[in-house]
Amino acid sequence: MSCHASEYDVPFSPVPQVWTLTAPAPFADETSCQCQAPHEKLTIAQARLGTPVDRPVRVYADGIFDLFHSGHARALMQAKTLFPNSYLLVGVCSDDLTHKFKGFTVMNEAERYEALRHCRYVDEVIRDAPWTLTPEFLEKHKIDFVAHDDIPYSSAGSDDVYKHIKEAGMFVPTQRTEGISTSDIITRIVRDYDVYARRNLQRGYTAKELNVSFINEKKYRFQNQVDKMKEKVKNVEERSKEFVNRVEEKSHDLIQKWEEKSREFIGNFLELFGPDGAWKQMFQERSSRMLQALSPKQSPVSSPTRSRSPSRSPSPTFSWLPSKTSPPSSPKAASASISSMSEGDEDEK
């Protein structure tokens, strides 16, 4: 395996180096880069001033790093940026030590090692790191300072496993990230165990793989079906609400248009059939015309008398029907009547 950027190949610079990461950090037992130069003891003040100039300051941080999360990464970032020019070594405890002194882990040691190798702040990973740091371990890896949060860490029969490091002036504190820890993550999983068991059953894991009993498996699967039905009902309700909202919007538009048309219709109706409407005037005109047509003007009661022409006499009046007179009593009377009729004819001529 090729050497990972030896600390002696990098000249000192007061500005932290920006690396282009193309490979994970190497393991300490696999790299050929060994510290051969004299390792002088540094004080924190000297390290912060950027001395020595011929090498970076070697900072060590250790831990379990189970379920590697942002709190771990932030702690390592602080350790990496404690000094202007630093080289960060991270020790990861094995499964045996962790199970013995702290408890069972979710991730095994190989997974935890690999998680640390791919953190951008880590320059080198030390596998199977000791629970308590010894002078021999510090000398072997040429460690200048140890970075960890300042809370006393009681374990392995000690009130604080970093007590002797603090007394030696090699301890540099970092700050914990509130609200995130491996224990918090495990607590969430345990608290919502049923939710995650149902989740993994739905994703294809078997009840045996999840260590779930037959009864619980059926219960979880039934709950999954119920949740699917609830989701479908929820979707239908949302779509129904959207449809109702659209209908309401359309109805408002229709009502508004209907009101406008109604007002227009009523205005037109009043304009035609109102008290002063055009229809009334037209009706009155037509009525008067019809009355004039049905009842023409009467002629005068008396007309002037024509003056008779003096040359013409009034036409005689003929009595076509014989008057009912008694017959002549004698021949002399009959001849007298005939002669009178002839005289009348001659007068007319």
Protein backbone atom coordinates (compact mmCIF):
# COMPACT_ATOMS: atom_id res chain seq x y z
CA MET A 1 0.00 0.00 0.00
CA SER A 2 1.34 3.41 -0.90
CA CYS A 3 2.32 5.83 1.84
CA HIS A 4 -0.34 8.33 2.93
CA ALA A 5 1.08 11.91 2.75
CA SER A 6 3.92 11.76 5.27
CA GLU A 7 3.92 14.59 7.79
CA TYR A 8 7.58 15.24 7.02
CA ASP A 9 6.84 15.85 3.32
CA VAL A 10 4.60 18.84 4.14
CA PRO A 11 6.35 22.16 4.92
CA PHE A 12 4.97 24.20 7.75
CA SER A 13 2.34 26.78 6.92
CA PRO A 14 0.36 28.89 9.38
CA VAL A 15 -2.70 28.29 7.20
CA PRO A 16 -4.23 24.79 7.52
CA GLN A 17 -3.50 22.61 4.50
CA VAL A 18 -6.40 21.87 2.13
CA TRP A 19 -6.11 18.35 0.78
CA THR A 20 -7.78 16.82 -2.25
CA LEU A 21 -8.94 13.50 -0.87
CA THR A 22 -8.75 10.65 -3.36
CA ALA A 23 -8.30 7.69 -0.99
CA PRO A 24 -9.29 6.72 2.55
CA ALA A 25 -6.90 7.29 5.45
CA PRO A 26 -4.35 4.46 5.94
CA PHE A 27 -4.15 2.13 8.92
CA ALA A 28 -1.16 2.74 11.15
CA ASP A 29 0.02 -0.88 10.94
CA GLU A 30 -0.05 -0.89 7.13
CA THR A 31 1.74 2.34 6.28
CA SER A 32 5.50 2.52 5.74
CA CYS A 33 5.64 6.12 6.91
CA GLN A 34 7.38 6.04 10.25
CA CYS A 35 8.55 8.91 12.38
CA GLN A 36 12.35 8.77 12.30
CA ALA A 37 13.18 12.38 13.19
CA PRO A 38 13.86 13.36 16.80
CA HIS A 39 10.57 13.91 18.58
CA GLU A 40 10.85 16.83 20.94
CA LYS A 41 8.21 17.42 23.57
CA LEU A 42 5.97 20.41 22.80
CA THR A 43 3.84 22.64 24.92
CA ILE A 44 0.36 23.71 23.84
CA ALA A 45 1.57 27.31 23.53
CA GLN A 46 4.39 26.26 21.20
CA ALA A 47 2.05 24.14 19.09
CA ARG A 48 -0.37 27.02 18.70
CA LEU A 49 2.44 29.25 17.52
CA GLY A 50 3.19 26.80 14.73
CA THR A 51 6.38 25.24 16.07
CA PRO A 52 8.29 23.14 15.28
CA VAL A 53 8.66 24.16 11.66
CA ASP A 54 9.97 20.81 10.41
CA ARG A 55 6.91 18.68 11.20
CA PRO A 56 3.19 18.89 11.96
CA VAL A 57 1.83 18.47 15.49
CA ARG A 58 0.65 14.89 16.01
CA VAL A 59 -2.77 14.86 17.71
CA TYR A 60 -4.44 11.66 18.92
CA ALA A 61 -8.17 11.07 19.46
CA ASP A 62 -9.74 7.76 20.41
CA GLY A 63 -13.19 6.30 20.89
CA ILE A 64 -15.66 3.56 19.99
CA PHE A 65 -17.33 5.47 17.13
CA ASP A 66 -20.34 3.12 16.96
CA LEU A 67 -22.99 4.31 14.49
CA PHE A 68 -20.65 7.05 13.30
CA HIS A 69 -22.59 10.33 13.30
CA SER A 70 -22.13 14.10 13.04
CA GLY A 71 -21.16 14.41 16.71
CA HIS A 72 -18.17 12.16 16.10
CA ALA A 73 -17.22 14.09 12.95
CA ARG A 74 -17.41 17.44 14.71
CA ALA A 75 -15.17 16.22 17.54
CA LEU A 76 -12.59 15.03 15.01
CA MET A 77 -12.81 18.32 13.15
CA GLN A 78 -12.02 20.18 16.36
CA ALA A 79 -9.06 17.89 17.02
CA LYS A 80 -7.75 18.40 13.50
CA THR A 81 -7.96 22.20 13.71
CA LEU A 82 -6.52 22.69 17.20
CA PHE A 83 -3.19 23.81 15.75
CA PRO A 84 -2.12 25.51 12.53
CA ASN A 85 -0.36 22.40 11.25
CA SER A 86 -1.54 19.08 12.65
CA TYR A 87 -1.66 15.39 11.81
CA LEU A 88 -4.65 13.55 13.29
CA LEU A 89 -4.36 9.94 14.42
CA VAL A 90 -7.59 8.23 15.50
CA GLY A 91 -7.57 5.14 17.68
CA VAL A 92 -10.57 2.78 17.53
CA CYS A 93 -11.07 0.16 20.24
CA SER A 94 -11.74 -3.45 19.28
CA ASP A 95 -14.97 -5.35 19.91
CA ASP A 96 -13.45 -7.32 22.80
CA LEU A 97 -12.39 -4.23 24.74
CA THR A 98 -15.61 -2.38 23.99
CA HIS A 99 -17.89 -5.25 25.03
CA LYS A 100 -15.84 -5.71 28.17
CA PHE A 101 -15.75 -2.11 29.39
CA LYS A 102 -18.69 -0.38 27.73
CA GLY A 103 -21.19 -2.78 26.23
CA PHE A 104 -22.42 -4.32 23.04
CA THR A 105 -22.10 -2.34 19.82
CA VAL A 106 -24.34 -2.17 16.78
CA MET A 107 -21.45 -2.08 14.32
CA ASN A 108 -18.56 -4.52 14.53
CA GLU A 109 -14.95 -3.37 14.70
CA ALA A 110 -14.27 -3.73 10.98
CA GLU A 111 -17.25 -1.52 10.14
CA ARG A 112 -16.16 1.06 12.71
CA TYR A 113 -12.61 1.10 11.36
CA GLU A 114 -13.86 1.71 7.81
CA ALA A 115 -16.20 4.48 8.95
CA LEU A 116 -13.24 6.39 10.43
CA ARG A 117 -11.05 5.90 7.37
CA HIS A 118 -13.57 7.81 5.25
CA CYS A 119 -13.83 10.85 7.50
CA ARG A 120 -12.13 13.84 5.83
CA TYR A 121 -10.41 15.03 9.03
CA VAL A 122 -8.63 11.73 9.76
CA ASP A 123 -5.04 11.26 8.59
CA GLU A 124 -4.42 7.82 10.05
CA VAL A 125 -6.45 5.11 11.84
CA ILE A 126 -5.02 2.96 14.63
CA ARG A 127 -6.87 -0.33 14.99
CA ASP A 128 -7.30 -2.13 18.32
CA ALA A 129 -6.42 0.99 20.29
CA PRO A 130 -5.81 0.55 24.06
CA TRP A 131 -8.53 1.48 26.54
CA THR A 132 -6.02 3.36 28.69
CA LEU A 133 -3.12 5.16 27.05
CA THR A 134 0.31 4.01 28.14
CA PRO A 135 3.66 5.84 27.78
CA GLU A 136 4.80 3.09 25.43
CA PHE A 137 1.83 3.65 23.13
CA LEU A 138 2.37 7.41 23.14
CA GLU A 139 6.05 6.99 22.32
CA LYS A 140 5.43 4.42 19.59
CA HIS A 141 3.13 6.73 17.65
CA LYS A 142 5.03 9.93 18.55
CA ILE A 143 1.88 11.54 19.96
CA ASP A 144 2.17 15.17 21.04
CA PHE A 145 -1.35 15.77 22.37
CA VAL A 146 -4.54 13.86 23.13
CA ALA A 147 -7.88 15.44 22.21
CA HIS A 148 -11.14 14.53 23.98
CA ASP A 149 -14.04 16.27 25.68
CA ASP A 150 -13.22 17.54 29.18
CA ILE A 151 -15.85 15.47 31.02
CA PRO A 152 -14.13 12.92 33.31
CA TYR A 153 -14.42 9.49 31.68
CA SER A 154 -14.70 6.89 34.43
CA SER A 155 -13.99 3.34 33.28
CA ALA A 156 -11.79 0.32 33.91
CA GLY A 157 -11.59 1.07 37.63
CA SER A 158 -10.49 4.68 37.13
CA ASP A 159 -12.35 7.87 37.84
CA ASP A 160 -10.87 9.40 34.71
CA VAL A 161 -8.88 7.40 32.15
CA TYR A 162 -7.32 10.66 30.88
CA LYS A 163 -6.17 11.85 34.30
CA HIS A 164 -2.49 11.07 33.74
CA ILE A 165 -2.60 12.68 30.28
CA LYS A 166 -4.02 15.88 31.80
CA GLU A 167 -1.32 15.86 34.49
CA ALA A 168 1.34 15.51 31.80
CA GLY A 169 0.07 18.61 29.99
CA MET A 170 -0.78 16.64 26.88
CA PHE A 171 -4.59 16.93 27.04
CA VAL A 172 -6.47 19.33 24.75
CA PRO A 173 -10.26 19.55 25.34
CA THR A 174 -12.89 19.50 22.62
CA GLN A 175 -16.62 20.28 22.86
CA ARG A 176 -19.38 17.70 22.69
CA THR A 177 -22.24 18.18 20.23
CA GLU A 178 -25.50 18.39 22.12
CA GLY A 179 -28.52 16.45 20.93
CA ILE A 180 -26.67 13.67 19.12
CA SER A 181 -24.92 10.57 20.41
CA THR A 182 -24.83 6.84 19.78
CA SER A 183 -26.90 6.23 22.91
CA ASP A 184 -29.53 8.72 21.69
CA ILE A 185 -29.80 6.98 18.33
CA ILE A 186 -30.18 3.55 19.96
CA THR A 187 -32.81 4.99 22.33
CA ARG A 188 -34.85 6.21 19.35
CA ILE A 189 -34.70 2.78 17.74
CA VAL A 190 -35.69 0.97 20.95
CA ARG A 191 -38.48 3.46 21.66
CA ASP A 192 -39.96 3.04 18.18
CA TYR A 193 -39.08 -0.64 17.83
CA ASP A 194 -42.46 -1.63 16.38
CA VAL A 195 -42.23 1.06 13.73
CA TYR A 196 -38.80 -0.08 12.54
CA ALA A 197 -39.74 -3.77 12.71
CA ARG A 198 -42.77 -3.10 10.51
CA ARG A 199 -40.60 -0.97 8.23
CA ASN A 200 -38.08 -3.76 7.65
CA LEU A 201 -40.77 -6.40 7.22
CA GLN A 202 -42.28 -4.24 4.54
CA ARG A 203 -38.86 -3.94 2.87
CA GLY A 204 -38.43 -7.67 2.56
CA TYR A 205 -36.69 -8.78 5.76
CA THR A 206 -37.95 -12.00 7.30
CA ALA A 207 -39.34 -12.37 10.81
CA LYS A 208 -36.41 -14.65 11.61
CA GLU A 209 -33.88 -12.02 10.58
CA LEU A 210 -35.66 -9.47 12.76
CA ASN A 211 -36.07 -11.93 15.64
CA VAL A 212 -39.81 -11.34 15.59
CA SER A 213 -42.30 -13.96 16.80
CA PHE A 214 -44.99 -15.41 14.56
CA ILE A 215 -47.76 -13.51 16.33
CA ASN A 216 -45.91 -10.21 16.20
CA GLU A 217 -45.13 -10.75 12.54
CA LYS A 218 -48.83 -11.14 11.73
CA LYS A 219 -49.65 -8.13 13.89
CA TYR A 220 -47.04 -5.99 12.15
CA ARG A 221 -48.14 -7.08 8.70
CA PHE A 222 -51.77 -6.33 9.59
CA GLN A 223 -50.74 -2.91 10.87
CA ASN A 224 -48.88 -2.31 7.61
CA GLN A 225 -52.04 -3.11 5.65
CA VAL A 226 -54.06 -0.79 7.89
CA ASP A 227 -51.50 1.97 7.33
CA LYS A 228 -51.73 1.45 3.57
CA MET A 229 -55.51 1.75 3.74
CA LYS A 230 -55.19 4.90 5.86
CA GLU A 231 -52.79 6.34 3.33
CA LYS A 232 -55.21 5.58 0.50
CA VAL A 233 -58.09 7.15 2.44
CA LYS A 234 -55.91 10.16 3.16
CA ASN A 235 -55.08 10.51 -0.51
CA VAL A 236 -58.75 10.21 -1.45
CA GLU A 237 -59.65 12.83 1.15
CA GLU A 238 -56.99 15.19 -0.17
CA ARG A 239 -58.20 14.69 -3.73
CA SER A 240 -61.80 15.18 -2.60
CA LYS A 241 -60.84 18.41 -0.86
CA GLU A 242 -59.12 19.59 -4.01
CA PHE A 243 -62.23 18.69 -6.05
CA VAL A 244 -64.54 20.45 -3.58
CA ASN A 245 -62.31 23.53 -3.63
CA ARG A 246 -62.42 23.57 -7.41
CA VAL A 247 -66.21 23.16 -7.40
CA GLU A 248 -66.54 25.98 -4.89
CA GLU A 249 -64.36 28.22 -7.03
CA LYS A 250 -66.43 27.36 -10.11
CA SER A 251 -69.70 27.87 -8.21
CA HIS A 252 -68.55 31.27 -7.01
CA ASP A 253 -67.74 32.22 -10.57
CA LEU A 254 -71.09 30.92 -11.82
CA ILE A 255 -73.02 32.72 -9.08
CA GLN A 256 -71.19 35.94 -9.82
CA LYS A 257 -71.91 35.61 -13.53
CA TRP A 258 -75.55 34.72 -12.81
CA GLU A 259 -75.92 37.81 -10.62
CA GLU A 260 -74.44 39.98 -13.34
CA LYS A 261 -76.75 38.47 -15.98
CA SER A 262 -79.73 38.78 -13.62
CA ARG A 263 -79.08 42.45 -13.03
CA GLU A 264 -78.70 42.96 -16.76
CA PHE A 265 -81.95 41.07 -17.48
CA ILE A 266 -83.89 42.99 -14.82
CA GLY A 267 -82.55 46.30 -16.16
CA ASN A 268 -83.57 45.40 -19.71
CA PHE A 269 -86.99 44.23 -18.51
CA LEU A 270 -87.64 47.46 -16.62
CA GLU A 271 -86.44 49.45 -19.60
CA LEU A 272 -89.04 47.73 -21.78
CA PHE A 273 -91.95 47.13 -19.39
CA GLY A 274 -91.40 49.70 -16.65
CA PRO A 275 -93.68 52.71 -15.96
CA ASP A 276 -91.77 54.76 -18.54
CA GLY A 277 -90.72 51.84 -20.68
CA ALA A 278 -90.55 51.76 -24.45
CA TRP A 279 -93.10 48.92 -24.62
CA LYS A 280 -95.77 51.05 -22.90
CA GLN A 281 -95.26 53.93 -25.30
CA MET A 282 -95.40 51.59 -28.28
CA PHE A 283 -98.52 49.91 -26.90
CA GLN A 284 -100.24 53.26 -26.41
CA GLU A 285 -99.39 54.34 -29.97
CA ARG A 286 -100.73 51.09 -31.44
CA SER A 287 -103.85 51.27 -29.27
CA SER A 288 -104.63 54.77 -30.44
CA ARG A 289 -104.18 53.73 -34.07
CA MET A 290 -106.50 50.75 -33.63
CA LEU A 291 -109.14 52.95 -31.97
CA GLN A 292 -108.95 55.43 -34.83
CA ALA A 293 -109.29 52.62 -37.35
CA LEU A 294 -112.28 51.07 -35.57
CA SER A 295 -114.22 54.34 -34.92
CA PRO A 296 -113.90 56.90 -37.84
CA LYS A 297 -115.06 60.53 -37.49
CA GLN A 298 -118.94 61.06 -37.67
CA SER A 299 -120.56 63.27 -40.44
CA PRO A 300 -122.30 66.55 -39.45
CA VAL A 301 -125.92 66.22 -38.14
CA SER A 302 -127.47 68.71 -40.61
CA SER A 303 -126.29 69.34 -44.15
CA PRO A 304 -127.07 72.53 -46.14
CA THR A 305 -130.15 72.36 -48.41
CA ARG A 306 -129.47 72.42 -52.11
CA SER A 307 -131.02 75.28 -53.94
CA ARG A 308 -133.39 74.07 -56.53
CA SER A 309 -132.80 75.00 -60.11
CA PRO A 310 -135.59 77.26 -61.33
CA SER A 311 -135.63 75.61 -64.68
CA ARG A 312 -136.27 72.18 -63.34
CA SER A 313 -139.31 71.24 -61.48
CA PRO A 314 -139.32 68.62 -58.83
CA SER A 315 -139.85 65.17 -60.01
CA PRO A 316 -143.33 64.07 -59.55
CA THR A 317 -144.20 61.51 -57.09
CA PHE A 318 -145.80 58.41 -58.46
CA SER A 319 -148.03 56.34 -56.48
CA TRP A 320 -147.47 52.84 -57.83
CA LEU A 321 -149.80 51.24 -55.53
CA PRO A 322 -153.41 52.08 -56.10
CA SER A 323 -155.09 53.50 -53.15
CA LYS A 324 -157.79 51.51 -51.68
CA THR A 325 -160.82 53.51 -52.84
CA SER A 326 -164.15 52.38 -53.44
CA PRO A 327 -165.06 51.63 -57.08
CA PRO A 328 -166.90 54.28 -59.06
CA SER A 329 -170.48 54.21 -58.44
CA SER A 330 -171.41 55.12 -62.01
CA PRO A 331 -169.99 55.27 -65.57
CA LYS A 332 -169.87 59.01 -65.42
CA ALA A 333 -167.63 58.88 -62.39
CA ALA A 334 -165.24 56.41 -64.08
CA SER A 335 -164.90 58.59 -67.15
CA ALA A 336 -164.21 61.62 -64.95
CA SER A 337 -161.32 59.86 -63.24
CA ILE A 338 -159.72 58.79 -66.48
CA SER A 339 -159.84 62.29 -67.84
CA SER A 340 -158.20 63.66 -64.75
CA MET A 341 -155.25 61.18 -65.11
CA SER A 342 -154.75 62.19 -68.73
CA GLU A 343 -154.59 65.84 -67.83
CA GLY A 344 -151.89 65.08 -65.31
CA ASP A 345 -149.74 63.36 -67.93
CA GLU A 346 -149.97 66.26 -70.25
CA ASP A 347 -148.85 68.66 -67.52
CA GLU A 348 -145.69 66.63 -66.99
CA LYS A 349 -144.87 66.80 -70.66
